[in-house]
Amino acid sequence: MSKICFLSGLEIPPGKASKEHYIPISRAPHFITSNPENIFPAHRVINHIKQNFLPCEWEDKKWNLTYHALHNWNLKQADQYFVARTLQNWETYIINPCQYCLLHCGKTR
């Protein structure tokens, strides 16, 4: 069964999946970060690019961080292709960062 990367909106190739903690483990109490509603599938490279940013922070920085990774990281060719496709897909794949945020910060986008 194929999985869709929560961060990119693309199908994750076999062997490339990781668990995305939408609210990073380092940024919130355990009862939030361990909640199953906070965990999504993600491509491991895109998840690594996201680092420990909160949803709103990630939405503000994802383009620059992903371009930087594509052009400056020593990625395998298949991962470079996925990252490039992610940038293309973001033209139409839009997430409201607060929609899945368990922190209920009150921000709206």
N, C-alpha and C. Protein backbone atom coordinates (compact mmCIF):
# COMPACT_ATOMS: atom_id res chain seq x y z
N MET A 1 0.84 -1.18 0.00
CA MET A 1 0.00 0.00 0.00
C MET A 1 0.89 1.25 0.00
N SER A 2 0.62 2.15 -0.89
CA SER A 2 1.44 3.36 -0.98
C SER A 2 0.99 4.39 0.05
N LYS A 3 1.94 5.20 0.45
CA LYS A 3 1.67 6.27 1.41
C LYS A 3 1.93 7.60 0.73
N ILE A 4 1.16 8.59 1.13
CA ILE A 4 1.35 9.94 0.61
C ILE A 4 2.09 10.75 1.67
N CYS A 5 3.13 11.44 1.22
CA CYS A 5 3.91 12.29 2.11
C CYS A 5 3.05 13.48 2.53
N PHE A 6 2.87 13.63 3.82
CA PHE A 6 2.06 14.72 4.36
C PHE A 6 2.66 16.08 4.03
N LEU A 7 3.98 16.16 3.97
CA LEU A 7 4.65 17.44 3.74
C LEU A 7 4.71 17.84 2.27
N SER A 8 4.79 16.86 1.38
CA SER A 8 4.93 17.18 -0.04
C SER A 8 3.68 16.92 -0.86
N GLY A 9 2.82 16.02 -0.38
CA GLY A 9 1.63 15.64 -1.13
C GLY A 9 1.90 14.60 -2.20
N LEU A 10 3.10 14.03 -2.23
CA LEU A 10 3.48 13.06 -3.24
C LEU A 10 3.55 11.65 -2.65
N GLU A 11 3.43 10.66 -3.51
CA GLU A 11 3.57 9.28 -3.08
C GLU A 11 5.01 9.01 -2.66
N ILE A 12 5.17 8.37 -1.52
CA ILE A 12 6.49 8.08 -0.99
C ILE A 12 7.01 6.79 -1.62
N PRO A 13 8.19 6.82 -2.24
CA PRO A 13 8.77 5.60 -2.81
C PRO A 13 9.06 4.57 -1.72
N PRO A 14 9.07 3.29 -2.07
CA PRO A 14 9.37 2.24 -1.10
C PRO A 14 10.71 2.49 -0.41
N GLY A 15 10.72 2.30 0.91
CA GLY A 15 11.94 2.45 1.69
C GLY A 15 12.32 3.87 2.05
N LYS A 16 11.49 4.83 1.69
CA LYS A 16 11.82 6.25 1.93
C LYS A 16 10.90 6.91 2.95
N ALA A 17 10.02 6.14 3.59
CA ALA A 17 9.05 6.72 4.52
C ALA A 17 9.64 6.92 5.91
N SER A 18 9.13 7.93 6.59
CA SER A 18 9.46 8.19 7.98
C SER A 18 8.21 8.73 8.66
N LYS A 19 8.27 8.81 9.98
CA LYS A 19 7.16 9.38 10.74
C LYS A 19 7.41 10.87 10.92
N GLU A 20 6.45 11.66 10.50
CA GLU A 20 6.51 13.11 10.68
C GLU A 20 5.68 13.47 11.91
N HIS A 21 6.35 14.05 12.90
CA HIS A 21 5.64 14.60 14.05
C HIS A 21 5.34 16.06 13.69
N TYR A 22 4.11 16.33 13.33
CA TYR A 22 3.75 17.67 12.86
C TYR A 22 4.13 18.72 13.89
N ILE A 23 3.80 18.47 15.15
CA ILE A 23 4.35 19.27 16.24
C ILE A 23 5.59 18.50 16.69
N PRO A 24 6.78 19.04 16.48
CA PRO A 24 8.01 18.30 16.78
C PRO A 24 8.11 17.86 18.24
N ILE A 25 8.74 16.73 18.44
CA ILE A 25 8.93 16.16 19.77
C ILE A 25 9.62 17.17 20.70
N SER A 26 10.55 17.92 20.16
CA SER A 26 11.32 18.86 20.98
C SER A 26 10.57 20.15 21.30
N ARG A 27 9.37 20.32 20.75
CA ARG A 27 8.70 21.62 20.88
C ARG A 27 7.39 21.59 21.65
N ALA A 28 6.99 20.42 22.16
CA ALA A 28 5.70 20.36 22.86
C ALA A 28 5.71 19.22 23.87
N PRO A 29 4.74 19.22 24.78
CA PRO A 29 4.64 18.14 25.76
C PRO A 29 4.40 16.79 25.08
N HIS A 30 4.81 15.74 25.76
CA HIS A 30 4.70 14.38 25.23
C HIS A 30 3.26 14.01 24.87
N PHE A 31 2.28 14.45 25.65
CA PHE A 31 0.90 14.07 25.35
C PHE A 31 0.43 14.64 24.01
N ILE A 32 1.08 15.68 23.53
CA ILE A 32 0.75 16.23 22.21
C ILE A 32 1.56 15.51 21.14
N THR A 33 2.87 15.41 21.35
CA THR A 33 3.72 14.84 20.29
C THR A 33 3.48 13.36 20.08
N SER A 34 3.03 12.65 21.11
CA SER A 34 2.78 11.22 20.96
C SER A 34 1.36 10.92 20.50
N ASN A 35 0.51 11.92 20.41
CA ASN A 35 -0.86 11.74 19.96
C ASN A 35 -0.86 11.24 18.51
N PRO A 36 -1.59 10.17 18.21
CA PRO A 36 -1.62 9.66 16.83
C PRO A 36 -2.07 10.70 15.80
N GLU A 37 -2.83 11.68 16.23
CA GLU A 37 -3.27 12.74 15.31
C GLU A 37 -2.15 13.72 14.97
N ASN A 38 -1.01 13.57 15.62
CA ASN A 38 0.16 14.42 15.36
C ASN A 38 1.19 13.72 14.48
N ILE A 39 0.96 12.47 14.14
CA ILE A 39 1.95 11.68 13.40
C ILE A 39 1.43 11.36 12.01
N PHE A 40 2.23 11.70 11.01
CA PHE A 40 1.86 11.52 9.61
C PHE A 40 3.03 10.88 8.86
N PRO A 41 2.76 10.20 7.75
CA PRO A 41 3.86 9.69 6.93
C PRO A 41 4.52 10.83 6.15
N ALA A 42 5.82 10.72 5.98
CA ALA A 42 6.55 11.73 5.22
C ALA A 42 7.77 11.09 4.58
N HIS A 43 8.19 11.66 3.46
CA HIS A 43 9.45 11.24 2.83
C HIS A 43 10.57 11.64 3.77
N ARG A 44 11.52 10.74 3.99
CA ARG A 44 12.55 10.98 5.01
C ARG A 44 13.38 12.23 4.73
N VAL A 45 13.65 12.55 3.47
CA VAL A 45 14.47 13.74 3.17
C VAL A 45 13.67 15.01 3.44
N ILE A 46 12.42 15.05 3.02
CA ILE A 46 11.59 16.23 3.26
C ILE A 46 11.39 16.40 4.77
N ASN A 47 11.20 15.31 5.47
CA ASN A 47 11.06 15.36 6.93
C ASN A 47 12.34 15.89 7.58
N HIS A 48 13.48 15.50 7.05
CA HIS A 48 14.76 16.00 7.58
C HIS A 48 14.92 17.50 7.30
N ILE A 49 14.47 17.93 6.13
CA ILE A 49 14.52 19.36 5.80
C ILE A 49 13.66 20.16 6.78
N LYS A 50 12.51 19.62 7.13
CA LYS A 50 11.59 20.32 8.05
C LYS A 50 12.20 20.54 9.42
N GLN A 51 13.08 19.65 9.83
CA GLN A 51 13.74 19.76 11.13
C GLN A 51 12.71 19.77 12.26
N ASN A 52 12.86 20.67 13.20
CA ASN A 52 11.93 20.72 14.33
C ASN A 52 11.09 22.00 14.31
N PHE A 53 10.76 22.47 13.13
CA PHE A 53 9.94 23.67 13.02
C PHE A 53 8.48 23.36 13.34
N LEU A 54 7.83 24.30 13.99
CA LEU A 54 6.39 24.21 14.20
C LEU A 54 5.69 24.41 12.86
N PRO A 55 4.43 24.00 12.74
CA PRO A 55 3.74 24.09 11.44
C PRO A 55 3.80 25.47 10.78
N CYS A 56 3.51 26.52 11.53
CA CYS A 56 3.53 27.86 10.93
C CYS A 56 4.94 28.28 10.52
N GLU A 57 5.93 27.90 11.32
CA GLU A 57 7.32 28.20 10.98
C GLU A 57 7.72 27.47 9.70
N TRP A 58 7.34 26.19 9.59
CA TRP A 58 7.66 25.40 8.40
C TRP A 58 7.04 26.01 7.16
N GLU A 59 5.79 26.41 7.24
CA GLU A 59 5.13 27.00 6.07
C GLU A 59 5.85 28.26 5.61
N ASP A 60 6.37 29.03 6.54
CA ASP A 60 7.08 30.26 6.20
C ASP A 60 8.47 29.99 5.59
N LYS A 61 9.10 28.85 5.95
CA LYS A 61 10.49 28.60 5.57
C LYS A 61 10.68 27.46 4.58
N LYS A 62 9.63 26.71 4.29
CA LYS A 62 9.82 25.46 3.54
C LYS A 62 10.41 25.67 2.15
N TRP A 63 10.03 26.73 1.46
CA TRP A 63 10.56 26.95 0.11
C TRP A 63 12.07 27.17 0.15
N ASN A 64 12.53 28.09 0.98
CA ASN A 64 13.96 28.38 1.06
C ASN A 64 14.77 27.19 1.54
N LEU A 65 14.29 26.51 2.58
CA LEU A 65 15.01 25.36 3.11
C LEU A 65 15.09 24.23 2.08
N THR A 66 14.02 24.03 1.35
CA THR A 66 14.00 22.93 0.38
C THR A 66 14.87 23.26 -0.83
N TYR A 67 14.82 24.48 -1.33
CA TYR A 67 15.75 24.89 -2.40
C TYR A 67 17.20 24.73 -1.95
N HIS A 68 17.48 25.14 -0.73
CA HIS A 68 18.84 25.01 -0.21
C HIS A 68 19.27 23.54 -0.18
N ALA A 69 18.41 22.68 0.31
CA ALA A 69 18.73 21.25 0.37
C ALA A 69 18.95 20.68 -1.03
N LEU A 70 18.10 21.05 -1.96
CA LEU A 70 18.22 20.55 -3.33
C LEU A 70 19.56 20.93 -3.95
N HIS A 71 20.01 22.14 -3.72
CA HIS A 71 21.21 22.64 -4.38
C HIS A 71 22.50 22.48 -3.58
N ASN A 72 22.39 22.24 -2.27
CA ASN A 72 23.59 22.21 -1.45
C ASN A 72 23.84 20.90 -0.71
N TRP A 73 22.83 20.09 -0.55
CA TRP A 73 23.03 18.81 0.12
C TRP A 73 23.50 17.78 -0.88
N ASN A 74 24.24 16.82 -0.44
CA ASN A 74 24.73 15.74 -1.29
C ASN A 74 23.66 14.63 -1.32
N LEU A 75 22.58 14.87 -2.04
CA LEU A 75 21.46 13.93 -2.10
C LEU A 75 21.67 12.91 -3.21
N LYS A 76 21.18 11.71 -2.98
CA LYS A 76 21.16 10.71 -4.04
C LYS A 76 20.23 11.20 -5.14
N GLN A 77 20.45 10.72 -6.35
CA GLN A 77 19.68 11.19 -7.50
C GLN A 77 18.17 11.01 -7.29
N ALA A 78 17.75 9.88 -6.76
CA ALA A 78 16.32 9.64 -6.54
C ALA A 78 15.76 10.64 -5.53
N ASP A 79 16.54 10.98 -4.50
CA ASP A 79 16.08 11.96 -3.52
C ASP A 79 16.06 13.37 -4.11
N GLN A 80 17.04 13.70 -4.96
CA GLN A 80 17.02 14.99 -5.65
C GLN A 80 15.76 15.13 -6.49
N TYR A 81 15.42 14.06 -7.19
CA TYR A 81 14.22 14.06 -8.03
C TYR A 81 12.98 14.28 -7.17
N PHE A 82 12.89 13.59 -6.04
CA PHE A 82 11.72 13.74 -5.17
C PHE A 82 11.63 15.17 -4.63
N VAL A 83 12.75 15.73 -4.20
CA VAL A 83 12.75 17.09 -3.67
C VAL A 83 12.34 18.09 -4.76
N ALA A 84 12.84 17.92 -5.96
CA ALA A 84 12.46 18.80 -7.07
C ALA A 84 10.96 18.68 -7.37
N ARG A 85 10.45 17.46 -7.36
CA ARG A 85 9.01 17.25 -7.58
C ARG A 85 8.19 17.86 -6.45
N THR A 86 8.71 17.83 -5.23
CA THR A 86 8.03 18.45 -4.10
C THR A 86 7.86 19.94 -4.34
N LEU A 87 8.92 20.60 -4.76
CA LEU A 87 8.84 22.04 -5.04
C LEU A 87 7.80 22.32 -6.12
N GLN A 88 7.76 21.50 -7.14
CA GLN A 88 6.74 21.68 -8.19
C GLN A 88 5.34 21.45 -7.64
N ASN A 89 5.19 20.44 -6.82
CA ASN A 89 3.87 20.10 -6.29
C ASN A 89 3.34 21.17 -5.34
N TRP A 90 4.23 21.86 -4.65
CA TRP A 90 3.77 22.90 -3.73
C TRP A 90 3.08 24.05 -4.43
N GLU A 91 3.21 24.13 -5.74
CA GLU A 91 2.48 25.16 -6.47
C GLU A 91 0.97 24.96 -6.33
N THR A 92 0.56 23.69 -6.14
CA THR A 92 -0.87 23.39 -6.05
C THR A 92 -1.26 22.70 -4.75
N TYR A 93 -0.31 22.05 -4.07
CA TYR A 93 -0.59 21.32 -2.83
C TYR A 93 -0.43 22.29 -1.68
N ILE A 94 -1.55 22.72 -1.13
CA ILE A 94 -1.51 23.75 -0.08
C ILE A 94 -2.13 23.18 1.19
N ILE A 95 -1.42 23.36 2.29
CA ILE A 95 -1.91 22.93 3.60
C ILE A 95 -2.11 24.19 4.45
N ASN A 96 -3.21 24.24 5.16
CA ASN A 96 -3.37 25.24 6.20
C ASN A 96 -2.58 24.71 7.38
N PRO A 97 -1.46 25.32 7.75
CA PRO A 97 -0.60 24.76 8.79
C PRO A 97 -1.30 24.61 10.14
N CYS A 98 -2.33 25.37 10.38
CA CYS A 98 -3.02 25.29 11.66
C CYS A 98 -4.12 24.22 11.67
N GLN A 99 -4.47 23.72 10.51
CA GLN A 99 -5.55 22.74 10.42
C GLN A 99 -5.25 21.48 11.22
N TYR A 100 -4.01 21.01 11.21
CA TYR A 100 -3.63 19.78 11.89
C TYR A 100 -2.84 20.04 13.17
N CYS A 101 -2.67 21.28 13.53
CA CYS A 101 -1.85 21.65 14.68
C CYS A 101 -2.61 21.40 15.98
N LEU A 102 -2.02 20.60 16.84
CA LEU A 102 -2.64 20.27 18.12
C LEU A 102 -2.36 21.31 19.20
N LEU A 103 -1.59 22.34 18.87
CA LEU A 103 -1.28 23.37 19.85
C LEU A 103 -2.40 24.41 19.98
N HIS A 104 -3.25 24.49 18.98
CA HIS A 104 -4.37 25.44 18.98
C HIS A 104 -3.88 26.85 19.30
N CYS A 105 -2.93 27.30 18.49
CA CYS A 105 -2.31 28.60 18.73
C CYS A 105 -3.23 29.76 18.39
N GLY A 106 -4.29 29.50 17.66
CA GLY A 106 -5.23 30.56 17.33
C GLY A 106 -4.91 31.29 16.05
N LYS A 107 -3.79 30.96 15.40
CA LYS A 107 -3.46 31.60 14.14
C LYS A 107 -4.35 31.06 13.04
N THR A 108 -4.62 31.89 12.07
CA THR A 108 -5.34 31.44 10.88
C THR A 108 -4.54 31.84 9.67
N ARG A 109 -4.67 31.06 8.64
CA ARG A 109 -3.94 31.34 7.41
C ARG A 109 -4.93 31.50 6.29
